[in-house]
Amino acid sequence: MITLQNVSRKFGRNDALCDVSFSLEMGKIYGIVGPNGSGKSTTLRLIAGLLFPSKGEVMVNGQKVNRKIAKHVAYLSDLDTFYRGFTVQDMFDFHVSQFDDFDHEKVDKLLSFLNLDRYKKLHQLSKGNRARVKLLLVLSRNAPVVLLDEPFSGLDPMVRDTIVEGLLRFIDYENQTVVITTHEVGEMEMLLDEVLLINEGKILSRQSVEVIREREGMSVKEWMKTLCGSEGRE
């Protein structure tokens, strides 16, 4: 489904990723976890076709990733950017023009669930409600790959709870693969099937959440700390 093969990414002289290889299957929710600056967001941007590797290859559904991969990948950025003059409805209309898999029926359900007014301008919304709009735009697509980059960043607990519940309700677990990057793993742990721990641009470990809990007797956060030391803190 998603494959990185010996992928490295440099920014100038700095290594953001160093010879990373892994494959992700259809129908699972993966967490890419680790300290701030470890390479999590870079990994997601490579899968989304927003960055290209300095070395190695990124594949999605057997296709080498390029800009056109957006047809198959729904990406939620960690950046809070928007067109100030757009309403929520304008954002729907724009996404309909760009993505054939945008599902109007899902939009209506998500508007009700997220308690959003489609005629409100984005600059009139709180940061939490803009986060809800971003989530709606991603979950309204029937894309086989869903990427969420630090979806909890800077949000209050109520909005975080809404994001978790939205993922539980509106993800098609048989036909979509979800990859979530976060250094705040506590609230996401219940969603995850597997976690990949990344630090300083390298994959330190990959493990099933069930194994971490039952065999290791730890939460994912505790597991991170044992491998990353103090850097694994939220």
C-alpha atoms as a PDB file:
ATOM      1  CA  MET A   1       0.000   0.000   0.000  1.00  0.00           C
ATOM      2  CA  ILE A   2       2.673   2.504   1.139  1.00  0.00           C
ATOM      3  CA  THR A   3       6.367   1.728   0.797  1.00  0.00           C
ATOM      4  CA  LEU A   4       9.492   3.716   1.612  1.00  0.00           C
ATOM      5  CA  GLN A   5      12.678   2.070   0.373  1.00  0.00           C
ATOM      6  CA  ASN A   6      16.022   3.417   1.657  1.00  0.00           C
ATOM      7  CA  VAL A   7      14.627   6.941   1.797  1.00  0.00           C
ATOM      8  CA  SER A   8      16.779   9.853   2.912  1.00  0.00           C
ATOM      9  CA  ARG A   9      15.858  13.523   2.857  1.00  0.00           C
ATOM     10  CA  LYS A  10      18.233  16.433   3.351  1.00  0.00           C
ATOM     11  CA  PHE A  11      17.494  20.102   3.948  1.00  0.00           C
ATOM     12  CA  GLY A  12      20.749  21.772   3.094  1.00  0.00           C
ATOM     13  CA  ARG A  13      23.379  19.907   5.108  1.00  0.00           C
ATOM     14  CA  ASN A  14      20.866  18.623   7.646  1.00  0.00           C
ATOM     15  CA  ASP A  15      19.482  15.079   7.480  1.00  0.00           C
ATOM     16  CA  ALA A  16      15.733  14.998   8.165  1.00  0.00           C
ATOM     17  CA  LEU A  17      15.491  11.280   7.298  1.00  0.00           C
ATOM     18  CA  CYS A  18      18.314   8.743   7.079  1.00  0.00           C
ATOM     19  CA  ASP A  19      17.886   5.550   5.018  1.00  0.00           C
ATOM     20  CA  VAL A  20      14.318   4.828   6.158  1.00  0.00           C
ATOM     21  CA  SER A  21      12.513   1.708   4.893  1.00  0.00           C
ATOM     22  CA  PHE A  22       9.057   0.390   5.782  1.00  0.00           C
ATOM     23  CA  SER A  23       5.785  -0.813   4.233  1.00  0.00           C
ATOM     24  CA  LEU A  24       2.239  -0.146   5.475  1.00  0.00           C
ATOM     25  CA  GLU A  25      -0.773  -2.338   4.722  1.00  0.00           C
ATOM     26  CA  MET A  26      -4.329  -1.537   3.685  1.00  0.00           C
ATOM     27  CA  GLY A  27      -6.953  -1.248   6.405  1.00  0.00           C
ATOM     28  CA  LYS A  28      -4.823  -0.267   9.405  1.00  0.00           C
ATOM     29  CA  ILE A  29      -4.253   2.876  11.428  1.00  0.00           C
ATOM     30  CA  TYR A  30      -0.574   3.613  11.931  1.00  0.00           C
ATOM     31  CA  GLY A  31       1.017   6.088  14.274  1.00  0.00           C
ATOM     32  CA  ILE A  32       4.385   7.599  13.444  1.00  0.00           C
ATOM     33  CA  VAL A  33       5.529   8.798  16.844  1.00  0.00           C
ATOM     34  CA  GLY A  34       8.576  10.468  18.292  1.00  0.00           C
ATOM     35  CA  PRO A  35       9.938  13.705  19.714  1.00  0.00           C
ATOM     36  CA  ASN A  36       9.516  17.063  18.001  1.00  0.00           C
ATOM     37  CA  GLY A  37      11.878  17.412  15.048  1.00  0.00           C
ATOM     38  CA  SER A  38      12.412  13.676  14.678  1.00  0.00           C
ATOM     39  CA  GLY A  39      11.302  13.455  11.023  1.00  0.00           C
ATOM     40  CA  LYS A  40       7.611  12.584  11.404  1.00  0.00           C
ATOM     41  CA  SER A  41       6.170  15.424   9.317  1.00  0.00           C
ATOM     42  CA  THR A  42       8.858  15.009   6.662  1.00  0.00           C
ATOM     43  CA  THR A  43       7.824  11.365   6.300  1.00  0.00           C
ATOM     44  CA  LEU A  44       4.166  12.296   5.769  1.00  0.00           C
ATOM     45  CA  ARG A  45       5.008  15.029   3.269  1.00  0.00           C
ATOM     46  CA  LEU A  46       7.052  12.543   1.265  1.00  0.00           C
ATOM     47  CA  ILE A  47       4.088  10.142   1.137  1.00  0.00           C
ATOM     48  CA  ALA A  48       1.777  13.032   0.169  1.00  0.00           C
ATOM     49  CA  GLY A  49       4.049  14.099  -2.701  1.00  0.00           C
ATOM     50  CA  LEU A  50       4.765  17.486  -1.159  1.00  0.00           C
ATOM     51  CA  LEU A  51       8.455  16.646  -0.787  1.00  0.00           C
ATOM     52  CA  PHE A  52      10.712  14.332  -2.750  1.00  0.00           C
ATOM     53  CA  PRO A  53      13.460  12.133  -1.339  1.00  0.00           C
ATOM     54  CA  SER A  54      17.108  13.050  -1.678  1.00  0.00           C
ATOM     55  CA  LYS A  55      17.696   9.306  -2.024  1.00  0.00           C
ATOM     56  CA  GLY A  56      15.460   6.253  -2.221  1.00  0.00           C
ATOM     57  CA  GLU A  57      11.904   5.694  -3.409  1.00  0.00           C
ATOM     58  CA  VAL A  58       8.392   6.312  -2.067  1.00  0.00           C
ATOM     59  CA  MET A  59       5.515   4.260  -3.505  1.00  0.00           C
ATOM     60  CA  VAL A  60       1.741   4.422  -2.947  1.00  0.00           C
ATOM     61  CA  ASN A  61      -0.454   1.706  -4.486  1.00  0.00           C
ATOM     62  CA  GLY A  62       2.410   0.597  -6.697  1.00  0.00           C
ATOM     63  CA  GLN A  63       2.963   4.100  -8.081  1.00  0.00           C
ATOM     64  CA  LYS A  64       6.042   6.193  -7.534  1.00  0.00           C
ATOM     65  CA  VAL A  65       4.956   9.255  -5.614  1.00  0.00           C
ATOM     66  CA  ASN A  66       4.730  12.564  -7.457  1.00  0.00           C
ATOM     67  CA  ARG A  67       2.413  15.583  -7.273  1.00  0.00           C
ATOM     68  CA  LYS A  68      -0.417  13.631  -8.897  1.00  0.00           C
ATOM     69  CA  ILE A  69      -0.538  11.211  -5.961  1.00  0.00           C
ATOM     70  CA  ALA A  70      -2.958  13.689  -4.305  1.00  0.00           C
ATOM     71  CA  LYS A  71      -5.715  11.901  -6.254  1.00  0.00           C
ATOM     72  CA  HIS A  72      -5.166   8.910  -3.971  1.00  0.00           C
ATOM     73  CA  VAL A  73      -4.031  10.623  -0.773  1.00  0.00           C
ATOM     74  CA  ALA A  74      -6.061  12.837   1.580  1.00  0.00           C
ATOM     75  CA  TYR A  75      -3.638  14.959   3.590  1.00  0.00           C
ATOM     76  CA  LEU A  76      -4.302  17.043   6.705  1.00  0.00           C
ATOM     77  CA  SER A  77      -1.488  19.524   7.237  1.00  0.00           C
ATOM     78  CA  ASP A  78      -0.248  20.643  10.626  1.00  0.00           C
ATOM     79  CA  LEU A  79      -0.313  24.217   9.279  1.00  0.00           C
ATOM     80  CA  ASP A  80      -3.289  26.461  10.043  1.00  0.00           C
ATOM     81  CA  THR A  81      -3.508  28.127   6.632  1.00  0.00           C
ATOM     82  CA  PHE A  82      -6.656  29.091   4.745  1.00  0.00           C
ATOM     83  CA  TYR A  83      -8.133  31.546   2.244  1.00  0.00           C
ATOM     84  CA  ARG A  84      -9.491  34.328   4.444  1.00  0.00           C
ATOM     85  CA  GLY A  85     -12.356  35.251   2.133  1.00  0.00           C
ATOM     86  CA  PHE A  86     -13.580  31.665   1.713  1.00  0.00           C
ATOM     87  CA  THR A  87     -16.602  30.260   3.499  1.00  0.00           C
ATOM     88  CA  VAL A  88     -16.719  26.653   4.625  1.00  0.00           C
ATOM     89  CA  GLN A  89     -18.897  25.970   1.561  1.00  0.00           C
ATOM     90  CA  ASP A  90     -16.290  27.594  -0.695  1.00  0.00           C
ATOM     91  CA  MET A  91     -13.748  25.098   0.630  1.00  0.00           C
ATOM     92  CA  PHE A  92     -16.124  22.228  -0.216  1.00  0.00           C
ATOM     93  CA  ASP A  93     -16.605  23.569  -3.726  1.00  0.00           C
ATOM     94  CA  PHE A  94     -12.855  23.907  -4.233  1.00  0.00           C
ATOM     95  CA  HIS A  95     -12.231  20.336  -3.079  1.00  0.00           C
ATOM     96  CA  VAL A  96     -15.014  19.021  -5.328  1.00  0.00           C
ATOM     97  CA  SER A  97     -13.245  20.687  -8.279  1.00  0.00           C
ATOM     98  CA  GLN A  98      -9.948  19.007  -7.354  1.00  0.00           C
ATOM     99  CA  PHE A  99     -10.881  15.513  -6.146  1.00  0.00           C
ATOM    100  CA  ASP A 100     -13.240  13.049  -7.826  1.00  0.00           C
ATOM    101  CA  ASP A 101     -13.620  11.077  -4.587  1.00  0.00           C
ATOM    102  CA  PHE A 102     -15.125  13.968  -2.584  1.00  0.00           C
ATOM    103  CA  ASP A 103     -18.333  12.568  -1.021  1.00  0.00           C
ATOM    104  CA  HIS A 104     -21.227  15.030  -0.622  1.00  0.00           C
ATOM    105  CA  GLU A 105     -23.163  12.650   1.618  1.00  0.00           C
ATOM    106  CA  LYS A 106     -20.245  12.512   4.025  1.00  0.00           C
ATOM    107  CA  VAL A 107     -20.032  16.322   3.997  1.00  0.00           C
ATOM    108  CA  ASP A 108     -23.599  16.672   5.230  1.00  0.00           C
ATOM    109  CA  LYS A 109     -23.067  14.096   7.986  1.00  0.00           C
ATOM    110  CA  LEU A 110     -19.786  15.670   9.076  1.00  0.00           C
ATOM    111  CA  LEU A 111     -21.243  19.185   9.118  1.00  0.00           C
ATOM    112  CA  SER A 112     -23.870  17.996  11.570  1.00  0.00           C
ATOM    113  CA  PHE A 113     -21.429  15.932  13.633  1.00  0.00           C
ATOM    114  CA  LEU A 114     -18.860  18.745  13.850  1.00  0.00           C
ATOM    115  CA  ASN A 115     -21.512  21.445  14.383  1.00  0.00           C
ATOM    116  CA  LEU A 116     -20.198  23.651  11.580  1.00  0.00           C
ATOM    117  CA  ASP A 117     -22.008  26.364   9.626  1.00  0.00           C
ATOM    118  CA  ARG A 118     -21.241  25.976   5.925  1.00  0.00           C
ATOM    119  CA  TYR A 119     -21.806  29.702   5.302  1.00  0.00           C
ATOM    120  CA  LYS A 120     -19.322  31.001   7.898  1.00  0.00           C
ATOM    121  CA  LYS A 121     -16.131  32.571   6.583  1.00  0.00           C
ATOM    122  CA  LEU A 122     -12.985  30.788   7.685  1.00  0.00           C
ATOM    123  CA  HIS A 123     -11.433  33.888   9.247  1.00  0.00           C
ATOM    124  CA  GLN A 124     -14.495  34.146  11.529  1.00  0.00           C
ATOM    125  CA  LEU A 125     -13.917  30.670  12.960  1.00  0.00           C
ATOM    126  CA  SER A 126     -11.910  29.823  16.067  1.00  0.00           C
ATOM    127  CA  LYS A 127      -8.734  27.774  15.671  1.00  0.00           C
ATOM    128  CA  GLY A 128     -10.628  24.744  16.964  1.00  0.00           C
ATOM    129  CA  ASN A 129     -13.376  25.121  14.369  1.00  0.00           C
ATOM    130  CA  ARG A 130     -10.831  25.636  11.581  1.00  0.00           C
ATOM    131  CA  ALA A 131      -9.292  22.342  12.723  1.00  0.00           C
ATOM    132  CA  ARG A 132     -12.737  20.776  12.420  1.00  0.00           C
ATOM    133  CA  VAL A 133     -13.047  22.130   8.859  1.00  0.00           C
ATOM    134  CA  LYS A 134      -9.678  20.619   7.926  1.00  0.00           C
ATOM    135  CA  LEU A 135     -10.774  17.272   9.375  1.00  0.00           C
ATOM    136  CA  LEU A 136     -14.069  17.441   7.487  1.00  0.00           C
ATOM    137  CA  LEU A 137     -12.289  18.080   4.178  1.00  0.00           C
ATOM    138  CA  VAL A 138     -10.035  15.062   4.692  1.00  0.00           C
ATOM    139  CA  LEU A 139     -12.710  12.664   5.965  1.00  0.00           C
ATOM    140  CA  SER A 140     -15.130  13.646   3.177  1.00  0.00           C
ATOM    141  CA  ARG A 141     -12.827  12.050   0.638  1.00  0.00           C
ATOM    142  CA  ASN A 142     -12.948   8.348  -0.187  1.00  0.00           C
ATOM    143  CA  ALA A 143      -9.199   8.293  -0.760  1.00  0.00           C
ATOM    144  CA  PRO A 144      -7.405   4.998  -0.058  1.00  0.00           C
ATOM    145  CA  VAL A 145      -4.728   6.802   1.996  1.00  0.00           C
ATOM    146  CA  VAL A 146      -5.473   9.306   4.764  1.00  0.00           C
ATOM    147  CA  LEU A 147      -2.550  11.243   6.264  1.00  0.00           C
ATOM    148  CA  LEU A 148      -2.968  13.334   9.434  1.00  0.00           C
ATOM    149  CA  ASP A 149       0.027  15.449  10.403  1.00  0.00           C
ATOM    150  CA  GLU A 150      -0.039  16.408  14.102  1.00  0.00           C
ATOM    151  CA  PRO A 151      -3.858  16.769  14.149  1.00  0.00           C
ATOM    152  CA  PHE A 152      -3.886  17.703  17.877  1.00  0.00           C
ATOM    153  CA  SER A 153      -1.325  20.500  17.676  1.00  0.00           C
ATOM    154  CA  GLY A 154      -2.421  23.487  19.772  1.00  0.00           C
ATOM    155  CA  LEU A 155      -6.018  22.296  20.197  1.00  0.00           C
ATOM    156  CA  ASP A 156      -8.077  22.109  23.370  1.00  0.00           C
ATOM    157  CA  PRO A 157      -9.277  18.744  24.785  1.00  0.00           C
ATOM    158  CA  MET A 158     -12.822  19.117  23.419  1.00  0.00           C
ATOM    159  CA  VAL A 159     -11.579  19.507  19.849  1.00  0.00           C
ATOM    160  CA  ARG A 160      -9.169  16.607  20.323  1.00  0.00           C
ATOM    161  CA  ASP A 161     -12.028  14.387  21.485  1.00  0.00           C
ATOM    162  CA  THR A 162     -14.038  15.419  18.403  1.00  0.00           C
ATOM    163  CA  ILE A 163     -11.161  14.465  16.098  1.00  0.00           C
ATOM    164  CA  VAL A 164     -10.849  11.021  17.694  1.00  0.00           C
ATOM    165  CA  GLU A 165     -14.597  10.404  17.496  1.00  0.00           C
ATOM    166  CA  GLY A 166     -14.672  11.628  13.896  1.00  0.00           C
ATOM    167  CA  LEU A 167     -11.974   9.122  12.943  1.00  0.00           C
ATOM    168  CA  LEU A 168     -13.861   6.316  14.669  1.00  0.00           C
ATOM    169  CA  ARG A 169     -17.102   7.184  12.849  1.00  0.00           C
ATOM    170  CA  PHE A 170     -16.049   8.188   9.369  1.00  0.00           C
ATOM    171  CA  ILE A 171     -12.982   6.161   8.404  1.00  0.00           C
ATOM    172  CA  ASP A 172     -13.650   3.150   6.143  1.00  0.00           C
ATOM    173  CA  TYR A 173     -11.432   0.648   7.913  1.00  0.00           C
ATOM    174  CA  GLU A 174     -11.636  -1.959   5.148  1.00  0.00           C
ATOM    175  CA  ASN A 175     -10.680   0.347   2.298  1.00  0.00           C
ATOM    176  CA  GLN A 176      -8.505   3.079   3.799  1.00  0.00           C
ATOM    177  CA  THR A 177      -5.070   3.205   5.363  1.00  0.00           C
ATOM    178  CA  VAL A 178      -4.595   5.953   7.945  1.00  0.00           C
ATOM    179  CA  VAL A 179      -1.215   7.329   9.001  1.00  0.00           C
ATOM    180  CA  ILE A 180      -1.086   9.776  11.918  1.00  0.00           C
ATOM    181  CA  THR A 181       2.015  11.629  13.050  1.00  0.00           C
ATOM    182  CA  THR A 182       2.045  12.804  16.632  1.00  0.00           C
ATOM    183  CA  HIS A 183       4.307  13.327  19.607  1.00  0.00           C
ATOM    184  CA  GLU A 184       1.184  13.448  21.807  1.00  0.00           C
ATOM    185  CA  VAL A 185       0.332   9.765  21.770  1.00  0.00           C
ATOM    186  CA  GLY A 186      -1.903   9.458  24.840  1.00  0.00           C
ATOM    187  CA  GLU A 187      -5.180  10.443  23.178  1.00  0.00           C
ATOM    188  CA  MET A 188      -4.391   8.671  19.893  1.00  0.00           C
ATOM    189  CA  GLU A 189      -3.305   5.346  21.379  1.00  0.00           C
ATOM    190  CA  MET A 190      -6.816   3.865  21.383  1.00  0.00           C
ATOM    191  CA  LEU A 191      -7.027   4.320  17.587  1.00  0.00           C
ATOM    192  CA  LEU A 192      -3.709   2.821  16.554  1.00  0.00           C
ATOM    193  CA  ASP A 193      -2.986  -0.683  15.288  1.00  0.00           C
ATOM    194  CA  GLU A 194       0.779  -0.205  14.982  1.00  0.00           C
ATOM    195  CA  VAL A 195       3.336   2.441  15.861  1.00  0.00           C
ATOM    196  CA  LEU A 196       6.613   3.352  14.214  1.00  0.00           C
ATOM    197  CA  LEU A 197       8.975   5.201  16.515  1.00  0.00           C
ATOM    198  CA  ILE A 198      11.230   7.677  14.752  1.00  0.00           C
ATOM    199  CA  ASN A 199      14.039   9.716  16.253  1.00  0.00           C
ATOM    200  CA  GLU A 200      16.732  11.817  14.589  1.00  0.00           C
ATOM    201  CA  GLY A 201      15.515  10.722  11.164  1.00  0.00           C
ATOM    202  CA  LYS A 202      15.743   6.979  11.811  1.00  0.00           C
ATOM    203  CA  ILE A 203      13.177   4.307  12.628  1.00  0.00           C
ATOM    204  CA  LEU A 204      14.083   3.041  16.094  1.00  0.00           C
ATOM    205  CA  SER A 205      11.323   0.470  16.401  1.00  0.00           C
ATOM    206  CA  ARG A 206       8.016  -0.734  14.981  1.00  0.00           C
ATOM    207  CA  GLN A 207       5.492  -2.570  17.093  1.00  0.00           C
ATOM    208  CA  SER A 208       1.849  -3.574  17.410  1.00  0.00           C
ATOM    209  CA  VAL A 209       0.016  -1.517  20.025  1.00  0.00           C
ATOM    210  CA  GLU A 210      -1.556  -4.704  21.348  1.00  0.00           C
ATOM    211  CA  VAL A 211       1.883  -6.233  21.896  1.00  0.00           C
ATOM    212  CA  ILE A 212       3.128  -3.093  23.670  1.00  0.00           C
ATOM    213  CA  ARG A 213       0.152  -3.157  26.033  1.00  0.00           C
ATOM    214  CA  GLU A 214      -0.217  -6.880  26.670  1.00  0.00           C
ATOM    215  CA  ARG A 215       3.272  -8.336  26.323  1.00  0.00           C
ATOM    216  CA  GLU A 216       5.314  -5.333  27.415  1.00  0.00           C
ATOM    217  CA  GLY A 217       2.726  -4.097  29.932  1.00  0.00           C
ATOM    218  CA  MET A 218       3.216  -0.456  28.895  1.00  0.00           C
ATOM    219  CA  SER A 219       1.372   2.370  27.244  1.00  0.00           C
ATOM    220  CA  VAL A 220       2.762   3.610  23.931  1.00  0.00           C
ATOM    221  CA  LYS A 221       4.014   6.718  25.726  1.00  0.00           C
ATOM    222  CA  GLU A 222       5.948   4.593  28.239  1.00  0.00           C
ATOM    223  CA  TRP A 223       7.310   2.450  25.402  1.00  0.00           C
ATOM    224  CA  MET A 224       8.549   5.621  23.666  1.00  0.00           C
ATOM    225  CA  LYS A 225      10.300   6.762  26.832  1.00  0.00           C
ATOM    226  CA  THR A 226      12.154   3.471  27.243  1.00  0.00           C
ATOM    227  CA  LEU A 227      13.574   3.816  23.719  1.00  0.00           C
ATOM    228  CA  CYS A 228      14.054   7.578  23.465  1.00  0.00           C
ATOM    229  CA  GLY A 229      14.750   8.470  27.090  1.00  0.00           C
ATOM    230  CA  SER A 230      13.637  11.922  28.191  1.00  0.00           C
ATOM    231  CA  GLU A 231      13.184  12.969  24.544  1.00  0.00           C
ATOM    232  CA  GLY A 232      10.156  10.698  24.331  1.00  0.00           C
ATOM    233  CA  ARG A 233       8.131  12.936  26.605  1.00  0.00           C
ATOM    234  CA  GLU A 234       4.950  14.601  25.327  1.00  0.00           C
END
